[in-house]
Amino acid sequence: MEQKTTSIFDMIIWCGAVVSVIGLIGIIWCIIRVSRSKRANLTDDEMKDVLKTVLPLNLVALFMSFLGLMIVGVGIAFS
């Protein structure tokens, strides 16, 4: 029977994929949060408050997605 060993680069690829998916979930959450706020017909000040709280989370989620894709790219390049 042949045993398959997992290399460190396979683990790097999977960790990068997990980080990227977490970032994607964050982006989807931000989209849902803003679309619900738009449908709620909030005032301008209330909408600005919502956007002020969502914007940093959106930037973090975008960064995580980007970082995860870079980790996957590095894992593929070195494997």
N, C-alpha and C. Protein backbone atom coordinates (compact mmCIF):
# COMPACT_ATOMS: atom_id res chain seq x y z
N MET A 1 0.82 -1.16 0.00
CA MET A 1 0.00 0.00 0.00
C MET A 1 0.87 1.24 0.00
N GLU A 2 0.48 2.18 -0.82
CA GLU A 2 1.25 3.41 -0.95
C GLU A 2 0.74 4.45 0.03
N GLN A 3 1.66 5.03 0.79
CA GLN A 3 1.28 6.08 1.73
C GLN A 3 1.57 7.43 1.11
N LYS A 4 0.60 8.31 1.21
CA LYS A 4 0.79 9.65 0.70
C LYS A 4 1.23 10.55 1.84
N THR A 5 2.34 11.22 1.64
CA THR A 5 2.82 12.14 2.66
C THR A 5 2.42 13.56 2.26
N THR A 6 2.12 14.33 3.25
CA THR A 6 1.75 15.72 3.02
C THR A 6 2.98 16.59 3.23
N SER A 7 3.33 17.34 2.21
CA SER A 7 4.50 18.20 2.34
C SER A 7 4.10 19.50 3.03
N ILE A 8 5.11 20.25 3.42
CA ILE A 8 4.87 21.53 4.08
C ILE A 8 4.20 22.50 3.11
N PHE A 9 4.49 22.36 1.83
CA PHE A 9 3.91 23.27 0.85
C PHE A 9 2.42 22.99 0.65
N ASP A 10 2.02 21.73 0.78
CA ASP A 10 0.58 21.43 0.73
C ASP A 10 -0.14 22.08 1.90
N MET A 11 0.48 22.05 3.05
CA MET A 11 -0.11 22.70 4.22
C MET A 11 -0.17 24.21 4.04
N ILE A 12 0.85 24.79 3.43
CA ILE A 12 0.85 26.23 3.17
C ILE A 12 -0.29 26.59 2.23
N ILE A 13 -0.49 25.78 1.19
CA ILE A 13 -1.56 26.04 0.23
C ILE A 13 -2.91 25.98 0.92
N TRP A 14 -3.12 24.96 1.75
CA TRP A 14 -4.42 24.82 2.43
C TRP A 14 -4.64 25.93 3.46
N CYS A 15 -3.60 26.34 4.15
CA CYS A 15 -3.73 27.46 5.10
C CYS A 15 -4.07 28.75 4.37
N GLY A 16 -3.43 28.98 3.23
CA GLY A 16 -3.74 30.15 2.43
C GLY A 16 -5.18 30.13 1.93
N ALA A 17 -5.65 28.94 1.55
CA ALA A 17 -7.03 28.83 1.08
C ALA A 17 -8.01 29.14 2.21
N VAL A 18 -7.70 28.69 3.41
CA VAL A 18 -8.57 28.97 4.56
C VAL A 18 -8.60 30.47 4.87
N VAL A 19 -7.45 31.11 4.84
CA VAL A 19 -7.39 32.56 5.09
C VAL A 19 -8.18 33.30 4.02
N SER A 20 -8.04 32.87 2.77
CA SER A 20 -8.77 33.52 1.68
C SER A 20 -10.28 33.35 1.81
N VAL A 21 -10.72 32.17 2.23
CA VAL A 21 -12.16 31.93 2.41
C VAL A 21 -12.70 32.76 3.57
N ILE A 22 -11.94 32.89 4.63
CA ILE A 22 -12.37 33.74 5.75
C ILE A 22 -12.53 35.19 5.29
N GLY A 23 -11.59 35.66 4.48
CA GLY A 23 -11.71 37.01 3.93
C GLY A 23 -12.92 37.15 3.02
N LEU A 24 -13.20 36.13 2.23
CA LEU A 24 -14.36 36.16 1.35
C LEU A 24 -15.66 36.19 2.14
N ILE A 25 -15.72 35.43 3.22
CA ILE A 25 -16.90 35.47 4.09
C ILE A 25 -17.08 36.86 4.69
N GLY A 26 -15.98 37.51 5.06
CA GLY A 26 -16.05 38.87 5.58
C GLY A 26 -16.56 39.86 4.54
N ILE A 27 -16.12 39.71 3.31
CA ILE A 27 -16.59 40.59 2.24
C ILE A 27 -18.08 40.40 2.01
N ILE A 28 -18.52 39.16 1.99
CA ILE A 28 -19.95 38.87 1.79
C ILE A 28 -20.76 39.45 2.95
N TRP A 29 -20.25 39.34 4.17
CA TRP A 29 -20.96 39.91 5.32
C TRP A 29 -21.09 41.42 5.17
N CYS A 30 -20.03 42.08 4.71
CA CYS A 30 -20.08 43.53 4.52
C CYS A 30 -21.12 43.91 3.46
N ILE A 31 -21.17 43.15 2.38
CA ILE A 31 -22.15 43.42 1.33
C ILE A 31 -23.57 43.26 1.87
N ILE A 32 -23.81 42.21 2.62
CA ILE A 32 -25.14 41.98 3.18
C ILE A 32 -25.51 43.08 4.16
N ARG A 33 -24.56 43.49 5.00
CA ARG A 33 -24.83 44.53 6.01
C ARG A 33 -25.20 45.85 5.34
N VAL A 34 -24.47 46.24 4.30
CA VAL A 34 -24.76 47.51 3.64
C VAL A 34 -26.06 47.43 2.85
N SER A 35 -26.31 46.31 2.20
CA SER A 35 -27.56 46.20 1.43
C SER A 35 -28.78 46.21 2.35
N ARG A 36 -28.67 45.61 3.53
CA ARG A 36 -29.78 45.68 4.49
C ARG A 36 -29.98 47.11 4.99
N SER A 37 -28.90 47.82 5.17
CA SER A 37 -29.01 49.21 5.61
C SER A 37 -29.64 50.08 4.54
N LYS A 38 -29.31 49.81 3.28
CA LYS A 38 -29.91 50.60 2.20
C LYS A 38 -31.41 50.33 2.10
N ARG A 39 -31.81 49.07 2.28
CA ARG A 39 -33.23 48.74 2.22
C ARG A 39 -34.01 49.27 3.42
N ALA A 40 -33.33 49.57 4.51
CA ALA A 40 -34.00 50.06 5.71
C ALA A 40 -34.34 51.55 5.62
N ASN A 41 -33.94 52.19 4.55
CA ASN A 41 -34.20 53.62 4.34
C ASN A 41 -33.76 54.46 5.54
N LEU A 42 -32.51 54.32 5.90
CA LEU A 42 -31.95 55.07 7.02
C LEU A 42 -31.70 56.51 6.60
N THR A 43 -31.60 57.35 7.59
CA THR A 43 -31.23 58.74 7.30
C THR A 43 -29.76 58.79 6.89
N ASP A 44 -29.35 59.94 6.39
CA ASP A 44 -27.97 60.08 5.94
C ASP A 44 -26.97 59.86 7.07
N ASP A 45 -27.27 60.41 8.23
CA ASP A 45 -26.35 60.26 9.36
C ASP A 45 -26.28 58.81 9.83
N GLU A 46 -27.42 58.12 9.87
CA GLU A 46 -27.43 56.71 10.27
C GLU A 46 -26.68 55.85 9.25
N MET A 47 -26.86 56.17 7.98
CA MET A 47 -26.16 55.41 6.94
C MET A 47 -24.65 55.65 7.01
N LYS A 48 -24.24 56.87 7.32
CA LYS A 48 -22.82 57.17 7.48
C LYS A 48 -22.24 56.39 8.64
N ASP A 49 -23.00 56.27 9.73
CA ASP A 49 -22.53 55.51 10.88
C ASP A 49 -22.34 54.03 10.52
N VAL A 50 -23.28 53.49 9.75
CA VAL A 50 -23.16 52.09 9.33
C VAL A 50 -21.93 51.92 8.45
N LEU A 51 -21.76 52.82 7.51
CA LEU A 51 -20.62 52.71 6.61
C LEU A 51 -19.29 52.91 7.33
N LYS A 52 -19.28 53.75 8.36
CA LYS A 52 -18.06 53.94 9.15
C LYS A 52 -17.65 52.66 9.88
N THR A 53 -18.64 51.87 10.30
CA THR A 53 -18.31 50.62 10.98
C THR A 53 -17.98 49.50 10.00
N VAL A 54 -18.57 49.53 8.83
CA VAL A 54 -18.36 48.45 7.86
C VAL A 54 -17.06 48.63 7.08
N LEU A 55 -16.67 49.86 6.82
CA LEU A 55 -15.49 50.11 6.00
C LEU A 55 -14.21 49.47 6.54
N PRO A 56 -13.87 49.62 7.82
CA PRO A 56 -12.64 48.96 8.30
C PRO A 56 -12.72 47.43 8.20
N LEU A 57 -13.89 46.88 8.49
CA LEU A 57 -14.05 45.42 8.38
C LEU A 57 -13.91 44.97 6.93
N ASN A 58 -14.42 45.77 6.01
CA ASN A 58 -14.29 45.44 4.60
C ASN A 58 -12.83 45.47 4.17
N LEU A 59 -12.09 46.45 4.62
CA LEU A 59 -10.67 46.53 4.27
C LEU A 59 -9.88 45.35 4.85
N VAL A 60 -10.19 44.96 6.07
CA VAL A 60 -9.53 43.81 6.67
C VAL A 60 -9.87 42.53 5.90
N ALA A 61 -11.13 42.39 5.51
CA ALA A 61 -11.54 41.21 4.76
C ALA A 61 -10.86 41.17 3.39
N LEU A 62 -10.76 42.31 2.73
CA LEU A 62 -10.06 42.36 1.44
C LEU A 62 -8.58 42.00 1.61
N PHE A 63 -7.97 42.51 2.66
CA PHE A 63 -6.57 42.20 2.92
C PHE A 63 -6.38 40.71 3.20
N MET A 64 -7.29 40.13 3.96
CA MET A 64 -7.18 38.69 4.25
C MET A 64 -7.34 37.86 2.99
N SER A 65 -8.27 38.23 2.13
CA SER A 65 -8.43 37.51 0.87
C SER A 65 -7.16 37.62 0.02
N PHE A 66 -6.63 38.82 -0.07
CA PHE A 66 -5.40 39.03 -0.83
C PHE A 66 -4.24 38.25 -0.23
N LEU A 67 -4.10 38.31 1.08
CA LEU A 67 -3.01 37.61 1.75
C LEU A 67 -3.13 36.10 1.55
N GLY A 68 -4.36 35.58 1.67
CA GLY A 68 -4.56 34.15 1.45
C GLY A 68 -4.21 33.72 0.05
N LEU A 69 -4.58 34.53 -0.94
CA LEU A 69 -4.23 34.20 -2.32
C LEU A 69 -2.72 34.27 -2.54
N MET A 70 -2.05 35.19 -1.88
CA MET A 70 -0.60 35.27 -2.00
C MET A 70 0.06 34.05 -1.35
N ILE A 71 -0.47 33.61 -0.22
CA ILE A 71 0.07 32.43 0.44
C ILE A 71 -0.10 31.20 -0.45
N VAL A 72 -1.28 31.08 -1.07
CA VAL A 72 -1.51 29.97 -2.00
C VAL A 72 -0.53 30.05 -3.16
N GLY A 73 -0.32 31.23 -3.70
CA GLY A 73 0.62 31.40 -4.81
C GLY A 73 2.04 31.00 -4.43
N VAL A 74 2.46 31.39 -3.25
CA VAL A 74 3.80 31.02 -2.78
C VAL A 74 3.90 29.51 -2.59
N GLY A 75 2.86 28.92 -2.02
CA GLY A 75 2.87 27.46 -1.83
C GLY A 75 2.93 26.72 -3.15
N ILE A 76 2.21 27.19 -4.14
CA ILE A 76 2.23 26.54 -5.46
C ILE A 76 3.59 26.75 -6.13
N ALA A 77 4.13 27.96 -6.01
CA ALA A 77 5.40 28.26 -6.67
C ALA A 77 6.54 27.41 -6.12
N PHE A 78 6.54 27.16 -4.82
CA PHE A 78 7.64 26.42 -4.21
C PHE A 78 7.42 24.92 -4.13
N SER A 79 6.21 24.46 -4.45
CA SER A 79 5.98 23.01 -4.35
C SER A 79 6.43 22.28 -5.59
